[in-house]
Amino acid sequence: MIYAIRNEGESNEKLILRYKKLFFQSRIASKIKSERYATRTVKKKKIRESAIVRSHYRKMNTKVYL
């Protein structure tokens, strides 16, 4: 749990900025975003098919240098 205690003479805006900084540095936001939806593991067949497609496009985009 992230919390920020207001320092003496600190404005509300500064406190909010300090809290946001702590929140995003703790990587809680990225964890929440990544766990928002359930995802299935990718099957070996799908990985292989995408590798074949990638290699096909790499062959198409290779340039011949003399």
C-alpha atoms as a PDB file:
ATOM      1  CA  MET A   1       0.000   0.000   0.000  1.00  0.00           C
ATOM      2  CA  ILE A   2       1.334   3.406  -0.963  1.00  0.00           C
ATOM      3  CA  TYR A   3       0.761   6.461   1.163  1.00  0.00           C
ATOM      4  CA  ALA A   4       2.264   9.934   1.468  1.00  0.00           C
ATOM      5  CA  ILE A   5       2.228  11.986   4.644  1.00  0.00           C
ATOM      6  CA  ARG A   6       1.937  15.712   4.216  1.00  0.00           C
ATOM      7  CA  ASN A   7       5.096  17.574   5.189  1.00  0.00           C
ATOM      8  CA  GLU A   8       4.978  20.823   7.091  1.00  0.00           C
ATOM      9  CA  GLY A   9       4.261  23.742   4.751  1.00  0.00           C
ATOM     10  CA  GLU A  10       3.592  21.450   1.778  1.00  0.00           C
ATOM     11  CA  SER A  11       0.753  22.348  -0.584  1.00  0.00           C
ATOM     12  CA  ASN A  12      -1.935  19.861  -1.599  1.00  0.00           C
ATOM     13  CA  GLU A  13      -0.755  19.889  -5.215  1.00  0.00           C
ATOM     14  CA  LYS A  14       2.795  19.008  -4.193  1.00  0.00           C
ATOM     15  CA  LEU A  15       1.510  16.205  -1.972  1.00  0.00           C
ATOM     16  CA  ILE A  16      -0.533  14.758  -4.829  1.00  0.00           C
ATOM     17  CA  LEU A  17       2.467  14.924  -7.184  1.00  0.00           C
ATOM     18  CA  ARG A  18       4.653  13.160  -4.624  1.00  0.00           C
ATOM     19  CA  TYR A  19       2.011  10.449  -4.148  1.00  0.00           C
ATOM     20  CA  LYS A  20       1.717   9.907  -7.909  1.00  0.00           C
ATOM     21  CA  LYS A  21       5.478   9.609  -8.183  1.00  0.00           C
ATOM     22  CA  LEU A  22       5.580   6.961  -5.448  1.00  0.00           C
ATOM     23  CA  PHE A  23       2.639   5.116  -6.993  1.00  0.00           C
ATOM     24  CA  PHE A  24       4.127   4.850 -10.475  1.00  0.00           C
ATOM     25  CA  GLN A  25       7.621   4.051  -9.213  1.00  0.00           C
ATOM     26  CA  SER A  26       6.249   1.122  -7.240  1.00  0.00           C
ATOM     27  CA  ARG A  27       4.958  -0.396 -10.530  1.00  0.00           C
ATOM     28  CA  ILE A  28       1.531  -1.028  -9.049  1.00  0.00           C
ATOM     29  CA  ALA A  29      -0.123   0.719 -11.996  1.00  0.00           C
ATOM     30  CA  SER A  30       1.522  -1.558 -14.571  1.00  0.00           C
ATOM     31  CA  LYS A  31       0.589  -4.635 -12.530  1.00  0.00           C
ATOM     32  CA  ILE A  32      -3.040  -3.524 -12.329  1.00  0.00           C
ATOM     33  CA  LYS A  33      -3.165  -2.885 -16.076  1.00  0.00           C
ATOM     34  CA  SER A  34      -1.580  -6.235 -16.923  1.00  0.00           C
ATOM     35  CA  GLU A  35      -3.953  -8.173 -14.666  1.00  0.00           C
ATOM     36  CA  ARG A  36      -7.068  -6.346 -15.782  1.00  0.00           C
ATOM     37  CA  TYR A  37      -8.106  -9.029 -18.253  1.00  0.00           C
ATOM     38  CA  ALA A  38      -7.581 -12.775 -18.156  1.00  0.00           C
ATOM     39  CA  THR A  39      -5.376 -14.037 -20.967  1.00  0.00           C
ATOM     40  CA  ARG A  40      -4.773 -17.539 -22.185  1.00  0.00           C
ATOM     41  CA  THR A  41      -1.356 -18.973 -22.816  1.00  0.00           C
ATOM     42  CA  VAL A  42      -0.323 -19.062 -26.458  1.00  0.00           C
ATOM     43  CA  LYS A  43      -0.217 -22.553 -27.969  1.00  0.00           C
ATOM     44  CA  LYS A  44       2.936 -23.913 -29.598  1.00  0.00           C
ATOM     45  CA  LYS A  45       1.145 -24.193 -32.939  1.00  0.00           C
ATOM     46  CA  LYS A  46       0.224 -20.489 -32.895  1.00  0.00           C
ATOM     47  CA  ILE A  47       3.790 -19.490 -31.960  1.00  0.00           C
ATOM     48  CA  ARG A  48       5.164 -21.558 -34.847  1.00  0.00           C
ATOM     49  CA  GLU A  49       2.666 -20.111 -37.327  1.00  0.00           C
ATOM     50  CA  SER A  50       3.568 -16.553 -36.344  1.00  0.00           C
ATOM     51  CA  ALA A  51       7.286 -17.409 -36.657  1.00  0.00           C
ATOM     52  CA  ILE A  52       6.694 -18.669 -40.199  1.00  0.00           C
ATOM     53  CA  VAL A  53       4.828 -15.480 -41.112  1.00  0.00           C
ATOM     54  CA  ARG A  54       7.632 -13.345 -39.620  1.00  0.00           C
ATOM     55  CA  SER A  55      10.299 -15.211 -41.574  1.00  0.00           C
ATOM     56  CA  HIS A  56       8.255 -14.808 -44.763  1.00  0.00           C
ATOM     57  CA  TYR A  57       8.037 -11.036 -44.323  1.00  0.00           C
ATOM     58  CA  ARG A  58      11.723 -10.827 -43.404  1.00  0.00           C
ATOM     59  CA  LYS A  59      12.605 -12.547 -46.678  1.00  0.00           C
ATOM     60  CA  MET A  60      10.408 -10.096 -48.573  1.00  0.00           C
ATOM     61  CA  ASN A  61      12.053  -7.079 -46.903  1.00  0.00           C
ATOM     62  CA  THR A  62      15.684  -8.102 -47.235  1.00  0.00           C
ATOM     63  CA  LYS A  63      17.663  -5.799 -49.465  1.00  0.00           C
ATOM     64  CA  VAL A  64      20.543  -6.910 -51.615  1.00  0.00           C
ATOM     65  CA  TYR A  65      23.635  -4.769 -51.068  1.00  0.00           C
ATOM     66  CA  LEU A  66      26.424  -4.954 -53.599  1.00  0.00           C
END
